[in-house]
Amino acid sequence: MTLVALLICVFICAVGVLTVASRSRHLRLIRLVSTRRGFSVAGGIRVLLGVGLLIAAPTSRAPGLIQILGIIIIFVAVIMVLFGPEPWQPYLDWWSARRPGVMRGWGVLAVAVAVALAYALVPG
């Protein structure tokens, strides 16, 4: 399961790099995820990441932090799938209207968080 969590970290890095490199493709990805099916897929990926973190936590560099993060990610995934995309639409519209620099900053942050998480997952 550590491998699955690490692969999802790579995916998060890729989305971060996409956000930095191409605002239009990032916005296309947001529109794709803002459908009911897209939200279900995103929720499934989050559950997979959360479970992977919970299983990988005991052998990680920061087991307590990784377990808490796994629980939070699973909780958010369940809430997302239960409520669907409709309540999140105003936020998605707001995010889509941000300046490119703001989106790029969050993309860089996503890459940094994914790299830090991957580092914490690898046994020390």
PDB file of N, CA and C in Angstrom:
ATOM      1  N   MET A   1       0.818  -1.201   0.000  1.00  0.00           N
ATOM      2  CA  MET A   1       0.000   0.000   0.000  1.00  0.00           C
ATOM      3  C   MET A   1       0.859   1.261   0.000  1.00  0.00           C
ATOM      4  N   THR A   2       2.087   1.136   0.507  1.00  0.00           N
ATOM      5  CA  THR A   2       2.993   2.282   0.452  1.00  0.00           C
ATOM      6  C   THR A   2       3.233   2.672  -0.997  1.00  0.00           C
ATOM      7  N   LEU A   3       3.370   1.684  -1.863  1.00  0.00           N
ATOM      8  CA  LEU A   3       3.585   1.961  -3.276  1.00  0.00           C
ATOM      9  C   LEU A   3       2.401   2.721  -3.865  1.00  0.00           C
ATOM     10  N   VAL A   4       1.189   2.332  -3.502  1.00  0.00           N
ATOM     11  CA  VAL A   4      -0.007   3.025  -3.995  1.00  0.00           C
ATOM     12  C   VAL A   4       0.003   4.477  -3.520  1.00  0.00           C
ATOM     13  N   ALA A   5       0.306   4.683  -2.236  1.00  0.00           N
ATOM     14  CA  ALA A   5       0.358   6.049  -1.705  1.00  0.00           C
ATOM     15  C   ALA A   5       1.441   6.865  -2.408  1.00  0.00           C
ATOM     16  N   LEU A   6       2.581   6.243  -2.677  1.00  0.00           N
ATOM     17  CA  LEU A   6       3.652   6.950  -3.387  1.00  0.00           C
ATOM     18  C   LEU A   6       3.245   7.290  -4.823  1.00  0.00           C
ATOM     19  N   LEU A   7       2.531   6.380  -5.476  1.00  0.00           N
ATOM     20  CA  LEU A   7       2.053   6.662  -6.829  1.00  0.00           C
ATOM     21  C   LEU A   7       1.057   7.815  -6.830  1.00  0.00           C
ATOM     22  N   ILE A   8       0.229   7.887  -5.809  1.00  0.00           N
ATOM     23  CA  ILE A   8      -0.713   9.007  -5.720  1.00  0.00           C
ATOM     24  C   ILE A   8       0.042  10.304  -5.444  1.00  0.00           C
ATOM     25  N   CYS A   9       1.141  10.236  -4.683  1.00  0.00           N
ATOM     26  CA  CYS A   9       1.997  11.416  -4.505  1.00  0.00           C
ATOM     27  C   CYS A   9       2.553  11.886  -5.846  1.00  0.00           C
ATOM     28  N   VAL A  10       2.937  10.950  -6.685  1.00  0.00           N
ATOM     29  CA  VAL A  10       3.417  11.296  -8.028  1.00  0.00           C
ATOM     30  C   VAL A  10       2.297  11.962  -8.827  1.00  0.00           C
ATOM     31  N   PHE A  11       1.079  11.438  -8.701  1.00  0.00           N
ATOM     32  CA  PHE A  11      -0.079  12.026  -9.379  1.00  0.00           C
ATOM     33  C   PHE A  11      -0.317  13.460  -8.890  1.00  0.00           C
ATOM     34  N   ILE A  12      -0.229  13.677  -7.572  1.00  0.00           N
ATOM     35  CA  ILE A  12      -0.421  15.019  -7.014  1.00  0.00           C
ATOM     36  C   ILE A  12       0.654  15.962  -7.549  1.00  0.00           C
ATOM     37  N   CYS A  13       1.893  15.471  -7.625  1.00  0.00           N
ATOM     38  CA  CYS A  13       2.977  16.272  -8.213  1.00  0.00           C
ATOM     39  C   CYS A  13       2.653  16.628  -9.656  1.00  0.00           C
ATOM     40  N   ALA A  14       2.161  15.667 -10.407  1.00  0.00           N
ATOM     41  CA  ALA A  14       1.837  15.909 -11.814  1.00  0.00           C
ATOM     42  C   ALA A  14       0.754  16.970 -11.952  1.00  0.00           C
ATOM     43  N   VAL A  15      -0.261  16.925 -11.104  1.00  0.00           N
ATOM     44  CA  VAL A  15      -1.318  17.945 -11.156  1.00  0.00           C
ATOM     45  C   VAL A  15      -0.746  19.305 -10.771  1.00  0.00           C
ATOM     46  N   GLY A  16       0.140  19.330  -9.778  1.00  0.00           N
ATOM     47  CA  GLY A  16       0.791  20.586  -9.402  1.00  0.00           C
ATOM     48  C   GLY A  16       1.609  21.163 -10.528  1.00  0.00           C
ATOM     49  N   VAL A  17       2.371  20.316 -11.200  1.00  0.00           N
ATOM     50  CA  VAL A  17       3.170  20.767 -12.338  1.00  0.00           C
ATOM     51  C   VAL A  17       2.250  21.241 -13.465  1.00  0.00           C
ATOM     52  N   LEU A  18       1.165  20.531 -13.717  1.00  0.00           N
ATOM     53  CA  LEU A  18       0.192  20.948 -14.728  1.00  0.00           C
ATOM     54  C   LEU A  18      -0.367  22.325 -14.389  1.00  0.00           C
ATOM     55  N   THR A  19      -0.659  22.560 -13.117  1.00  0.00           N
ATOM     56  CA  THR A  19      -1.197  23.847 -12.681  1.00  0.00           C
ATOM     57  C   THR A  19      -0.194  24.969 -12.946  1.00  0.00           C
ATOM     58  N   VAL A  20       1.066  24.697 -12.691  1.00  0.00           N
ATOM     59  CA  VAL A  20       2.107  25.707 -12.926  1.00  0.00           C
ATOM     60  C   VAL A  20       2.307  25.929 -14.419  1.00  0.00           C
ATOM     61  N   ALA A  21       2.304  24.857 -15.192  1.00  0.00           N
ATOM     62  CA  ALA A  21       2.658  24.932 -16.609  1.00  0.00           C
ATOM     63  C   ALA A  21       1.531  25.419 -17.512  1.00  0.00           C
ATOM     64  N   SER A  22       0.287  25.020 -17.232  1.00  0.00           N
ATOM     65  CA  SER A  22      -0.791  25.318 -18.167  1.00  0.00           C
ATOM     66  C   SER A  22      -2.100  25.578 -17.427  1.00  0.00           C
ATOM     67  N   ARG A  23      -2.436  26.849 -17.291  1.00  0.00           N
ATOM     68  CA  ARG A  23      -3.672  27.215 -16.596  1.00  0.00           C
ATOM     69  C   ARG A  23      -4.899  26.656 -17.319  1.00  0.00           C
ATOM     70  N   SER A  24      -4.901  26.684 -18.637  1.00  0.00           N
ATOM     71  CA  SER A  24      -6.073  26.218 -19.381  1.00  0.00           C
ATOM     72  C   SER A  24      -6.298  24.719 -19.180  1.00  0.00           C
ATOM     73  N   ARG A  25      -5.233  23.937 -19.150  1.00  0.00           N
ATOM     74  CA  ARG A  25      -5.400  22.493 -18.903  1.00  0.00           C
ATOM     75  C   ARG A  25      -5.845  22.232 -17.472  1.00  0.00           C
ATOM     76  N   HIS A  26      -5.332  23.027 -16.546  1.00  0.00           N
ATOM     77  CA  HIS A  26      -5.767  22.882 -15.148  1.00  0.00           C
ATOM     78  C   HIS A  26      -7.267  23.186 -15.032  1.00  0.00           C
ATOM     79  N   LEU A  27      -7.719  24.244 -15.688  1.00  0.00           N
ATOM     80  CA  LEU A  27      -9.143  24.582 -15.653  1.00  0.00           C
ATOM     81  C   LEU A  27      -9.987  23.489 -16.313  1.00  0.00           C
ATOM     82  N   ARG A  28      -9.465  22.876 -17.366  1.00  0.00           N
ATOM     83  CA  ARG A  28     -10.158  21.757 -18.003  1.00  0.00           C
ATOM     84  C   ARG A  28     -10.288  20.588 -17.025  1.00  0.00           C
ATOM     85  N   LEU A  29      -9.231  20.330 -16.271  1.00  0.00           N
ATOM     86  CA  LEU A  29      -9.270  19.270 -15.260  1.00  0.00           C
ATOM     87  C   LEU A  29     -10.299  19.586 -14.181  1.00  0.00           C
ATOM     88  N   ILE A  30     -10.383  20.845 -13.761  1.00  0.00           N
ATOM     89  CA  ILE A  30     -11.385  21.246 -12.768  1.00  0.00           C
ATOM     90  C   ILE A  30     -12.794  20.992 -13.302  1.00  0.00           C
ATOM     91  N   ARG A  31     -13.043  21.362 -14.545  1.00  0.00           N
ATOM     92  CA  ARG A  31     -14.374  21.129 -15.137  1.00  0.00           C
ATOM     93  C   ARG A  31     -14.687  19.639 -15.222  1.00  0.00           C
ATOM     94  N   LEU A  32     -13.683  18.837 -15.528  1.00  0.00           N
ATOM     95  CA  LEU A  32     -13.869  17.390 -15.606  1.00  0.00           C
ATOM     96  C   LEU A  32     -14.224  16.814 -14.235  1.00  0.00           C
ATOM     97  N   VAL A  33     -13.547  17.279 -13.208  1.00  0.00           N
ATOM     98  CA  VAL A  33     -13.773  16.757 -11.854  1.00  0.00           C
ATOM     99  C   VAL A  33     -15.062  17.305 -11.255  1.00  0.00           C
ATOM    100  N   SER A  34     -15.582  18.406 -11.760  1.00  0.00           N
ATOM    101  CA  SER A  34     -16.769  19.012 -11.154  1.00  0.00           C
ATOM    102  C   SER A  34     -18.078  18.329 -11.552  1.00  0.00           C
ATOM    103  N   THR A  35     -18.019  17.238 -12.284  1.00  0.00           N
ATOM    104  CA  THR A  35     -19.217  16.451 -12.586  1.00  0.00           C
ATOM    105  C   THR A  35     -19.427  15.413 -11.486  1.00  0.00           C
ATOM    106  N   ARG A  36     -20.578  14.810 -11.439  1.00  0.00           N
ATOM    107  CA  ARG A  36     -20.848  13.782 -10.426  1.00  0.00           C
ATOM    108  C   ARG A  36     -19.860  12.615 -10.568  1.00  0.00           C
ATOM    109  N   ARG A  37     -19.635  12.174 -11.785  1.00  0.00           N
ATOM    110  CA  ARG A  37     -18.691  11.075 -12.018  1.00  0.00           C
ATOM    111  C   ARG A  37     -17.267  11.484 -11.628  1.00  0.00           C
ATOM    112  N   GLY A  38     -16.876  12.697 -11.998  1.00  0.00           N
ATOM    113  CA  GLY A  38     -15.546  13.191 -11.651  1.00  0.00           C
ATOM    114  C   GLY A  38     -15.343  13.277 -10.152  1.00  0.00           C
ATOM    115  N   PHE A  39     -16.395  13.713  -9.439  1.00  0.00           N
ATOM    116  CA  PHE A  39     -16.307  13.778  -7.977  1.00  0.00           C
ATOM    117  C   PHE A  39     -16.179  12.380  -7.392  1.00  0.00           C
ATOM    118  N   SER A  40     -16.874  11.418  -7.968  1.00  0.00           N
ATOM    119  CA  SER A  40     -16.781  10.042  -7.474  1.00  0.00           C
ATOM    120  C   SER A  40     -15.375   9.485  -7.693  1.00  0.00           C
ATOM    121  N   VAL A  41     -14.807   9.761  -8.860  1.00  0.00           N
ATOM    122  CA  VAL A  41     -13.436   9.298  -9.138  1.00  0.00           C
ATOM    123  C   VAL A  41     -12.452   9.976  -8.187  1.00  0.00           C
ATOM    124  N   ALA A  42     -12.588  11.288  -8.008  1.00  0.00           N
ATOM    125  CA  ALA A  42     -11.703  12.010  -7.091  1.00  0.00           C
ATOM    126  C   ALA A  42     -11.860  11.489  -5.663  1.00  0.00           C
ATOM    127  N   GLY A  43     -13.089  11.200  -5.269  1.00  0.00           N
ATOM    128  CA  GLY A  43     -13.317  10.632  -3.937  1.00  0.00           C
ATOM    129  C   GLY A  43     -12.674   9.264  -3.797  1.00  0.00           C
ATOM    130  N   GLY A  44     -12.782   8.447  -4.844  1.00  0.00           N
ATOM    131  CA  GLY A  44     -12.158   7.124  -4.816  1.00  0.00           C
ATOM    132  C   GLY A  44     -10.637   7.216  -4.709  1.00  0.00           C
ATOM    133  N   ILE A  45     -10.049   8.160  -5.432  1.00  0.00           N
ATOM    134  CA  ILE A  45      -8.596   8.353  -5.350  1.00  0.00           C
ATOM    135  C   ILE A  45      -8.210   8.790  -3.941  1.00  0.00           C
ATOM    136  N   ARG A  46      -9.007   9.673  -3.351  1.00  0.00           N
ATOM    137  CA  ARG A  46      -8.710  10.127  -1.996  1.00  0.00           C
ATOM    138  C   ARG A  46      -8.850   9.000  -0.984  1.00  0.00           C
ATOM    139  N   VAL A  47      -9.883   8.175  -1.125  1.00  0.00           N
ATOM    140  CA  VAL A  47     -10.024   7.033  -0.204  1.00  0.00           C
ATOM    141  C   VAL A  47      -8.821   6.109  -0.346  1.00  0.00           C
ATOM    142  N   LEU A  48      -8.425   5.839  -1.572  1.00  0.00           N
ATOM    143  CA  LEU A  48      -7.260   4.985  -1.813  1.00  0.00           C
ATOM    144  C   LEU A  48      -6.006   5.571  -1.167  1.00  0.00           C
ATOM    145  N   LEU A  49      -5.805   6.879  -1.321  1.00  0.00           N
ATOM    146  CA  LEU A  49      -4.661   7.535  -0.692  1.00  0.00           C
ATOM    147  C   LEU A  49      -4.757   7.447   0.824  1.00  0.00           C
ATOM    148  N   GLY A  50      -5.945   7.722   1.377  1.00  0.00           N
ATOM    149  CA  GLY A  50      -6.117   7.673   2.825  1.00  0.00           C
ATOM    150  C   GLY A  50      -5.853   6.295   3.401  1.00  0.00           C
ATOM    151  N   VAL A  51      -6.393   5.268   2.768  1.00  0.00           N
ATOM    152  CA  VAL A  51      -6.161   3.892   3.217  1.00  0.00           C
ATOM    153  C   VAL A  51      -4.685   3.536   3.069  1.00  0.00           C
ATOM    154  N   GLY A  52      -4.097   3.949   1.959  1.00  0.00           N
ATOM    155  CA  GLY A  52      -2.669   3.701   1.759  1.00  0.00           C
ATOM    156  C   GLY A  52      -1.833   4.351   2.845  1.00  0.00           C
ATOM    157  N   LEU A  53      -2.200   5.565   3.233  1.00  0.00           N
ATOM    158  CA  LEU A  53      -1.476   6.241   4.303  1.00  0.00           C
ATOM    159  C   LEU A  53      -1.643   5.521   5.637  1.00  0.00           C
ATOM    160  N   LEU A  54      -2.866   5.082   5.922  1.00  0.00           N
ATOM    161  CA  LEU A  54      -3.100   4.367   7.181  1.00  0.00           C
ATOM    162  C   LEU A  54      -2.291   3.073   7.254  1.00  0.00           C
ATOM    163  N   ILE A  55      -2.224   2.365   6.152  1.00  0.00           N
ATOM    164  CA  ILE A  55      -1.486   1.099   6.135  1.00  0.00           C
ATOM    165  C   ILE A  55       0.022   1.347   6.170  1.00  0.00           C
ATOM    166  N   ALA A  56       0.469   2.391   5.476  1.00  0.00           N
ATOM    167  CA  ALA A  56       1.904   2.672   5.407  1.00  0.00           C
ATOM    168  C   ALA A  56       2.433   3.408   6.637  1.00  0.00           C
ATOM    169  N   ALA A  57       1.556   3.975   7.436  1.00  0.00           N
ATOM    170  CA  ALA A  57       1.980   4.810   8.554  1.00  0.00           C
ATOM    171  C   ALA A  57       2.946   4.134   9.530  1.00  0.00           C
ATOM    172  N   PRO A  58       2.690   2.885   9.956  1.00  0.00           N
ATOM    173  CA  PRO A  58       3.588   2.295  10.964  1.00  0.00           C
ATOM    174  C   PRO A  58       5.056   2.225  10.546  1.00  0.00           C
ATOM    175  N   THR A  59       5.337   2.109   9.262  1.00  0.00           N
ATOM    176  CA  THR A  59       6.728   2.005   8.820  1.00  0.00           C
ATOM    177  C   THR A  59       7.275   3.321   8.282  1.00  0.00           C
ATOM    178  N   SER A  60       6.509   4.396   8.385  1.00  0.00           N
ATOM    179  CA  SER A  60       6.925   5.677   7.828  1.00  0.00           C
ATOM    180  C   SER A  60       7.810   6.446   8.814  1.00  0.00           C
ATOM    181  N   ARG A  61       8.313   7.578   8.357  1.00  0.00           N
ATOM    182  CA  ARG A  61       9.149   8.434   9.198  1.00  0.00           C
ATOM    183  C   ARG A  61       8.333   9.189  10.239  1.00  0.00           C
ATOM    184  N   ALA A  62       7.052   9.417   9.979  1.00  0.00           N
ATOM    185  CA  ALA A  62       6.184  10.178  10.890  1.00  0.00           C
ATOM    186  C   ALA A  62       4.847   9.450  11.021  1.00  0.00           C
ATOM    187  N   PRO A  63       4.823   8.323  11.745  1.00  0.00           N
ATOM    188  CA  PRO A  63       3.610   7.499  11.765  1.00  0.00           C
ATOM    189  C   PRO A  63       2.354   8.203  12.276  1.00  0.00           C
ATOM    190  N   GLY A  64       2.464   8.973  13.343  1.00  0.00           N
ATOM    191  CA  GLY A  64       1.284   9.656  13.880  1.00  0.00           C
ATOM    192  C   GLY A  64       0.709  10.656  12.903  1.00  0.00           C
ATOM    193  N   LEU A  65       1.571  11.453  12.317  1.00  0.00           N
ATOM    194  CA  LEU A  65       1.139  12.457  11.351  1.00  0.00           C
ATOM    195  C   LEU A  65       0.520  11.810  10.119  1.00  0.00           C
ATOM    196  N   ILE A  66       1.121  10.738   9.633  1.00  0.00           N
ATOM    197  CA  ILE A  66       0.614  10.042   8.448  1.00  0.00           C
ATOM    198  C   ILE A  66      -0.752   9.422   8.745  1.00  0.00           C
ATOM    199  N   GLN A  67      -0.939   8.863   9.928  1.00  0.00           N
ATOM    200  CA  GLN A  67      -2.245   8.287  10.288  1.00  0.00           C
ATOM    201  C   GLN A  67      -3.320   9.365  10.347  1.00  0.00           C
ATOM    202  N   ILE A  68      -3.016  10.484  10.988  1.00  0.00           N
ATOM    203  CA  ILE A  68      -3.989  11.584  11.078  1.00  0.00           C
ATOM    204  C   ILE A  68      -4.337  12.098   9.683  1.00  0.00           C
ATOM    205  N   LEU A  69      -3.333  12.267   8.849  1.00  0.00           N
ATOM    206  CA  LEU A  69      -3.572  12.724   7.479  1.00  0.00           C
ATOM    207  C   LEU A  69      -4.439  11.731   6.709  1.00  0.00           C
ATOM    208  N   GLY A  70      -4.180  10.432   6.877  1.00  0.00           N
ATOM    209  CA  GLY A  70      -4.989   9.405   6.223  1.00  0.00           C
ATOM    210  C   GLY A  70      -6.451   9.472   6.638  1.00  0.00           C
ATOM    211  N   ILE A  71      -6.696   9.655   7.944  1.00  0.00           N
ATOM    212  CA  ILE A  71      -8.077   9.747   8.451  1.00  0.00           C
ATOM    213  C   ILE A  71      -8.775  10.982   7.887  1.00  0.00           C
ATOM    214  N   ILE A  72      -8.079  12.106   7.877  1.00  0.00           N
ATOM    215  CA  ILE A  72      -8.667  13.345   7.344  1.00  0.00           C
ATOM    216  C   ILE A  72      -8.998  13.188   5.861  1.00  0.00           C
ATOM    217  N   ILE A  73      -8.098  12.592   5.107  1.00  0.00           N
ATOM    218  CA  ILE A  73      -8.321  12.429   3.665  1.00  0.00           C
ATOM    219  C   ILE A  73      -9.517  11.516   3.402  1.00  0.00           C
ATOM    220  N   ILE A  74      -9.642  10.435   4.159  1.00  0.00           N
ATOM    221  CA  ILE A  74     -10.800   9.540   3.996  1.00  0.00           C
ATOM    222  C   ILE A  74     -12.091  10.267   4.350  1.00  0.00           C
ATOM    223  N   PHE A  75     -12.084  11.021   5.442  1.00  0.00           N
ATOM    224  CA  PHE A  75     -13.268  11.768   5.866  1.00  0.00           C
ATOM    225  C   PHE A  75     -13.705  12.752   4.780  1.00  0.00           C
ATOM    226  N   VAL A  76     -12.754  13.513   4.229  1.00  0.00           N
ATOM    227  CA  VAL A  76     -13.081  14.481   3.177  1.00  0.00           C
ATOM    228  C   VAL A  76     -13.609  13.766   1.936  1.00  0.00           C
ATOM    229  N   ALA A  77     -13.033  12.619   1.604  1.00  0.00           N
ATOM    230  CA  ALA A  77     -13.494  11.864   0.433  1.00  0.00           C
ATOM    231  C   ALA A  77     -14.943  11.416   0.594  1.00  0.00           C
ATOM    232  N   VAL A  78     -15.273  10.912   1.769  1.00  0.00           N
ATOM    233  CA  VAL A  78     -16.650  10.459   2.022  1.00  0.00           C
ATOM    234  C   VAL A  78     -17.621  11.640   1.947  1.00  0.00           C
ATOM    235  N   ILE A  79     -17.256  12.766   2.537  1.00  0.00           N
ATOM    236  CA  ILE A  79     -18.107  13.963   2.482  1.00  0.00           C
ATOM    237  C   ILE A  79     -18.295  14.411   1.031  1.00  0.00           C
ATOM    238  N   MET A  80     -17.204  14.419   0.257  1.00  0.00           N
ATOM    239  CA  MET A  80     -17.300  14.817  -1.150  1.00  0.00           C
ATOM    240  C   MET A  80     -18.285  13.946  -1.917  1.00  0.00           C
ATOM    241  N   VAL A  81     -18.156  12.642  -1.752  1.00  0.00           N
ATOM    242  CA  VAL A  81     -19.007  11.727  -2.509  1.00  0.00           C
ATOM    243  C   VAL A  81     -20.461  11.818  -2.036  1.00  0.00           C
ATOM    244  N   LEU A  82     -20.681  11.959  -0.734  1.00  0.00           N
ATOM    245  CA  LEU A  82     -22.046  12.044  -0.210  1.00  0.00           C
ATOM    246  C   LEU A  82     -22.777  13.296  -0.680  1.00  0.00           C
ATOM    247  N   PHE A  83     -22.092  14.432  -0.685  1.00  0.00           N
ATOM    248  CA  PHE A  83     -22.746  15.683  -1.053  1.00  0.00           C
ATOM    249  C   PHE A  83     -22.705  15.969  -2.544  1.00  0.00           C
ATOM    250  N   GLY A  84     -21.777  15.353  -3.259  1.00  0.00           N
ATOM    251  CA  GLY A  84     -21.687  15.573  -4.691  1.00  0.00           C
ATOM    252  C   GLY A  84     -21.078  16.921  -5.027  1.00  0.00           C
ATOM    253  N   PRO A  85     -21.022  17.251  -6.311  1.00  0.00           N
ATOM    254  CA  PRO A  85     -20.341  18.473  -6.732  1.00  0.00           C
ATOM    255  C   PRO A  85     -21.138  19.760  -6.525  1.00  0.00           C
ATOM    256  N   GLU A  86     -22.438  19.667  -6.349  1.00  0.00           N
ATOM    257  CA  GLU A  86     -23.273  20.872  -6.306  1.00  0.00           C
ATOM    258  C   GLU A  86     -22.862  21.859  -5.213  1.00  0.00           C
ATOM    259  N   PRO A  87     -22.679  21.445  -3.950  1.00  0.00           N
ATOM    260  CA  PRO A  87     -22.293  22.427  -2.922  1.00  0.00           C
ATOM    261  C   PRO A  87     -20.905  23.038  -3.154  1.00  0.00           C
ATOM    262  N   TRP A  88     -20.060  22.363  -3.916  1.00  0.00           N
ATOM    263  CA  TRP A  88     -18.697  22.829  -4.154  1.00  0.00           C
ATOM    264  C   TRP A  88     -18.600  23.729  -5.375  1.00  0.00           C
ATOM    265  N   GLN A  89     -19.674  23.819  -6.155  1.00  0.00           N
ATOM    266  CA  GLN A  89     -19.623  24.568  -7.406  1.00  0.00           C
ATOM    267  C   GLN A  89     -19.235  26.036  -7.211  1.00  0.00           C
ATOM    268  N   PRO A  90     -19.778  26.740  -6.209  1.00  0.00           N
ATOM    269  CA  PRO A  90     -19.340  28.138  -6.023  1.00  0.00           C
ATOM    270  C   PRO A  90     -17.836  28.251  -5.750  1.00  0.00           C
ATOM    271  N   TYR A  91     -17.277  27.312  -5.000  1.00  0.00           N
ATOM    272  CA  TYR A  91     -15.840  27.324  -4.756  1.00  0.00           C
ATOM    273  C   TYR A  91     -15.073  27.054  -6.043  1.00  0.00           C
ATOM    274  N   LEU A  92     -15.536  26.087  -6.840  1.00  0.00           N
ATOM    275  CA  LEU A  92     -14.859  25.782  -8.100  1.00  0.00           C
ATOM    276  C   LEU A  92     -14.916  26.974  -9.052  1.00  0.00           C
ATOM    277  N   ASP A  93     -16.059  27.670  -9.073  1.00  0.00           N
ATOM    278  CA  ASP A  93     -16.167  28.872  -9.908  1.00  0.00           C
ATOM    279  C   ASP A  93     -15.218  29.963  -9.410  1.00  0.00           C
ATOM    280  N   TRP A  94     -15.151  30.137  -8.087  1.00  0.00           N
ATOM    281  CA  TRP A  94     -14.253  31.120  -7.497  1.00  0.00           C
ATOM    282  C   TRP A  94     -12.807  30.794  -7.860  1.00  0.00           C
ATOM    283  N   TRP A  95     -12.443  29.514  -7.713  1.00  0.00           N
ATOM    284  CA  TRP A  95     -11.074  29.096  -8.004  1.00  0.00           C
ATOM    285  C   TRP A  95     -10.738  29.321  -9.474  1.00  0.00           C
ATOM    286  N   SER A  96     -11.683  29.046 -10.351  1.00  0.00           N
ATOM    287  CA  SER A  96     -11.450  29.214 -11.789  1.00  0.00           C
ATOM    288  C   SER A  96     -11.225  30.677 -12.162  1.00  0.00           C
ATOM    289  N   ALA A  97     -11.724  31.597 -11.334  1.00  0.00           N
ATOM    290  CA  ALA A  97     -11.597  33.023 -11.633  1.00  0.00           C
ATOM    291  C   ALA A  97     -10.301  33.629 -11.079  1.00  0.00           C
ATOM    292  N   ARG A  98      -9.493  32.863 -10.364  1.00  0.00           N
ATOM    293  CA  ARG A  98      -8.246  33.390  -9.776  1.00  0.00           C
ATOM    294  C   ARG A  98      -7.240  33.710 -10.867  1.00  0.00           C
ATOM    295  N   ARG A  99      -6.365  34.632 -10.524  1.00  0.00           N
ATOM    296  CA  ARG A  99      -5.296  35.011 -11.454  1.00  0.00           C
ATOM    297  C   ARG A  99      -4.331  33.845 -11.640  1.00  0.00           C
ATOM    298  N   PRO A 100      -3.652  33.797 -12.780  1.00  0.00           N
ATOM    299  CA  PRO A 100      -2.712  32.693 -13.031  1.00  0.00           C
ATOM    300  C   PRO A 100      -1.624  32.561 -11.963  1.00  0.00           C
ATOM    301  N   GLY A 101      -1.145  33.676 -11.434  1.00  0.00           N
ATOM    302  CA  GLY A 101      -0.103  33.610 -10.411  1.00  0.00           C
ATOM    303  C   GLY A 101      -0.560  32.908  -9.141  1.00  0.00           C
ATOM    304  N   VAL A 102      -1.811  33.121  -8.778  1.00  0.00           N
ATOM    305  CA  VAL A 102      -2.365  32.463  -7.594  1.00  0.00           C
ATOM    306  C   VAL A 102      -2.431  30.958  -7.823  1.00  0.00           C
ATOM    307  N   MET A 103      -2.919  30.565  -8.988  1.00  0.00           N
ATOM    308  CA  MET A 103      -2.999  29.137  -9.298  1.00  0.00           C
ATOM    309  C   MET A 103      -1.610  28.509  -9.344  1.00  0.00           C
ATOM    310  N   ARG A 104      -0.660  29.220  -9.930  1.00  0.00           N
ATOM    311  CA  ARG A 104       0.706  28.677  -9.990  1.00  0.00           C
ATOM    312  C   ARG A 104       1.299  28.512  -8.596  1.00  0.00           C
ATOM    313  N   GLY A 105       1.019  29.459  -7.723  1.00  0.00           N
ATOM    314  CA  GLY A 105       1.498  29.345  -6.344  1.00  0.00           C
ATOM    315  C   GLY A 105       0.951  28.106  -5.656  1.00  0.00           C
ATOM    316  N   TRP A 106      -0.334  27.841  -5.841  1.00  0.00           N
ATOM    317  CA  TRP A 106      -0.935  26.639  -5.254  1.00  0.00           C
ATOM    318  C   TRP A 106      -0.403  25.377  -5.918  1.00  0.00           C
ATOM    319  N   GLY A 107      -0.075  25.462  -7.198  1.00  0.00           N
ATOM    320  CA  GLY A 107       0.530  24.320  -7.883  1.00  0.00           C
ATOM    321  C   GLY A 107       1.893  23.979  -7.295  1.00  0.00           C
ATOM    322  N   VAL A 108       2.696  25.014  -7.045  1.00  0.00           N
ATOM    323  CA  VAL A 108       4.001  24.802  -6.411  1.00  0.00           C
ATOM    324  C   VAL A 108       3.820  24.205  -5.018  1.00  0.00           C
ATOM    325  N   LEU A 109       2.839  24.705  -4.281  1.00  0.00           N
ATOM    326  CA  LEU A 109       2.562  24.170  -2.945  1.00  0.00           C
ATOM    327  C   LEU A 109       2.150  22.695  -3.019  1.00  0.00           C
ATOM    328  N   ALA A 110       1.345  22.335  -4.005  1.00  0.00           N
ATOM    329  CA  ALA A 110       0.928  20.932  -4.173  1.00  0.00           C
ATOM    330  C   ALA A 110       2.130  20.036  -4.418  1.00  0.00           C
ATOM    331  N   VAL A 111       3.051  20.488  -5.242  1.00  0.00           N
ATOM    332  CA  VAL A 111       4.265  19.708  -5.502  1.00  0.00           C
ATOM    333  C   VAL A 111       5.068  19.552  -4.221  1.00  0.00           C
ATOM    334  N   ALA A 112       5.234  20.640  -3.477  1.00  0.00           N
ATOM    335  CA  ALA A 112       6.016  20.587  -2.239  1.00  0.00           C
ATOM    336  C   ALA A 112       5.386  19.643  -1.215  1.00  0.00           C
ATOM    337  N   VAL A 113       4.063  19.705  -1.071  1.00  0.00           N
ATOM    338  CA  VAL A 113       3.377  18.826  -0.115  1.00  0.00           C
ATOM    339  C   VAL A 113       3.502  17.369  -0.555  1.00  0.00           C
ATOM    340  N   ALA A 114       3.344  17.097  -1.833  1.00  0.00           N
ATOM    341  CA  ALA A 114       3.444  15.717  -2.331  1.00  0.00           C
ATOM    342  C   ALA A 114       4.852  15.164  -2.128  1.00  0.00           C
ATOM    343  N   VAL A 115       5.864  15.988  -2.373  1.00  0.00           N
ATOM    344  CA  VAL A 115       7.247  15.533  -2.170  1.00  0.00           C
ATOM    345  C   VAL A 115       7.508  15.287  -0.691  1.00  0.00           C
ATOM    346  N   ALA A 116       7.037  16.188   0.178  1.00  0.00           N
ATOM    347  CA  ALA A 116       7.207  15.989   1.621  1.00  0.00           C
ATOM    348  C   ALA A 116       6.491  14.739   2.105  1.00  0.00           C
ATOM    349  N   LEU A 117       5.282  14.515   1.579  1.00  0.00           N
ATOM    350  CA  LEU A 117       4.531  13.309   1.958  1.00  0.00           C
ATOM    351  C   LEU A 117       5.251  12.052   1.485  1.00  0.00           C
ATOM    352  N   ALA A 118       5.758  12.072   0.276  1.00  0.00           N
ATOM    353  CA  ALA A 118       6.499  10.917  -0.229  1.00  0.00           C
ATOM    354  C   ALA A 118       7.739  10.652   0.625  1.00  0.00           C
ATOM    355  N   TYR A 119       8.428  11.709   1.006  1.00  0.00           N
ATOM    356  CA  TYR A 119       9.608  11.569   1.878  1.00  0.00           C
ATOM    357  C   TYR A 119       9.215  10.952   3.220  1.00  0.00           C
ATOM    358  N   ALA A 120       8.100  11.426   3.771  1.00  0.00           N
ATOM    359  CA  ALA A 120       7.652  10.897   5.073  1.00  0.00           C
ATOM    360  C   ALA A 120       7.202   9.450   4.976  1.00  0.00           C
ATOM    361  N   LEU A 121       6.717   9.035   3.816  1.00  0.00           N
ATOM    362  CA  LEU A 121       6.239   7.651   3.653  1.00  0.00           C
ATOM    363  C   LEU A 121       7.353   6.636   3.546  1.00  0.00           C
ATOM    364  N   VAL A 122       8.485   7.049   3.009  1.00  0.00           N
ATOM    365  CA  VAL A 122       9.597   6.118   2.830  1.00  0.00           C
ATOM    366  C   VAL A 122      10.201   5.819   4.212  1.00  0.00           C
ATOM    367  N   PRO A 123      10.349   4.551   4.548  1.00  0.00           N
ATOM    368  CA  PRO A 123      10.905   4.215   5.867  1.00  0.00           C
ATOM    369  C   PRO A 123      12.297   4.824   6.060  1.00  0.00           C
ATOM    370  N   GLY A 124      12.528   5.311   7.281  1.00  0.00           N
ATOM    371  CA  GLY A 124      13.783   5.996   7.591  1.00  0.00           C
ATOM    372  C   GLY A 124      14.863   5.127   7.967  1.00  0.00           C
TER     373      GLY A 124
END
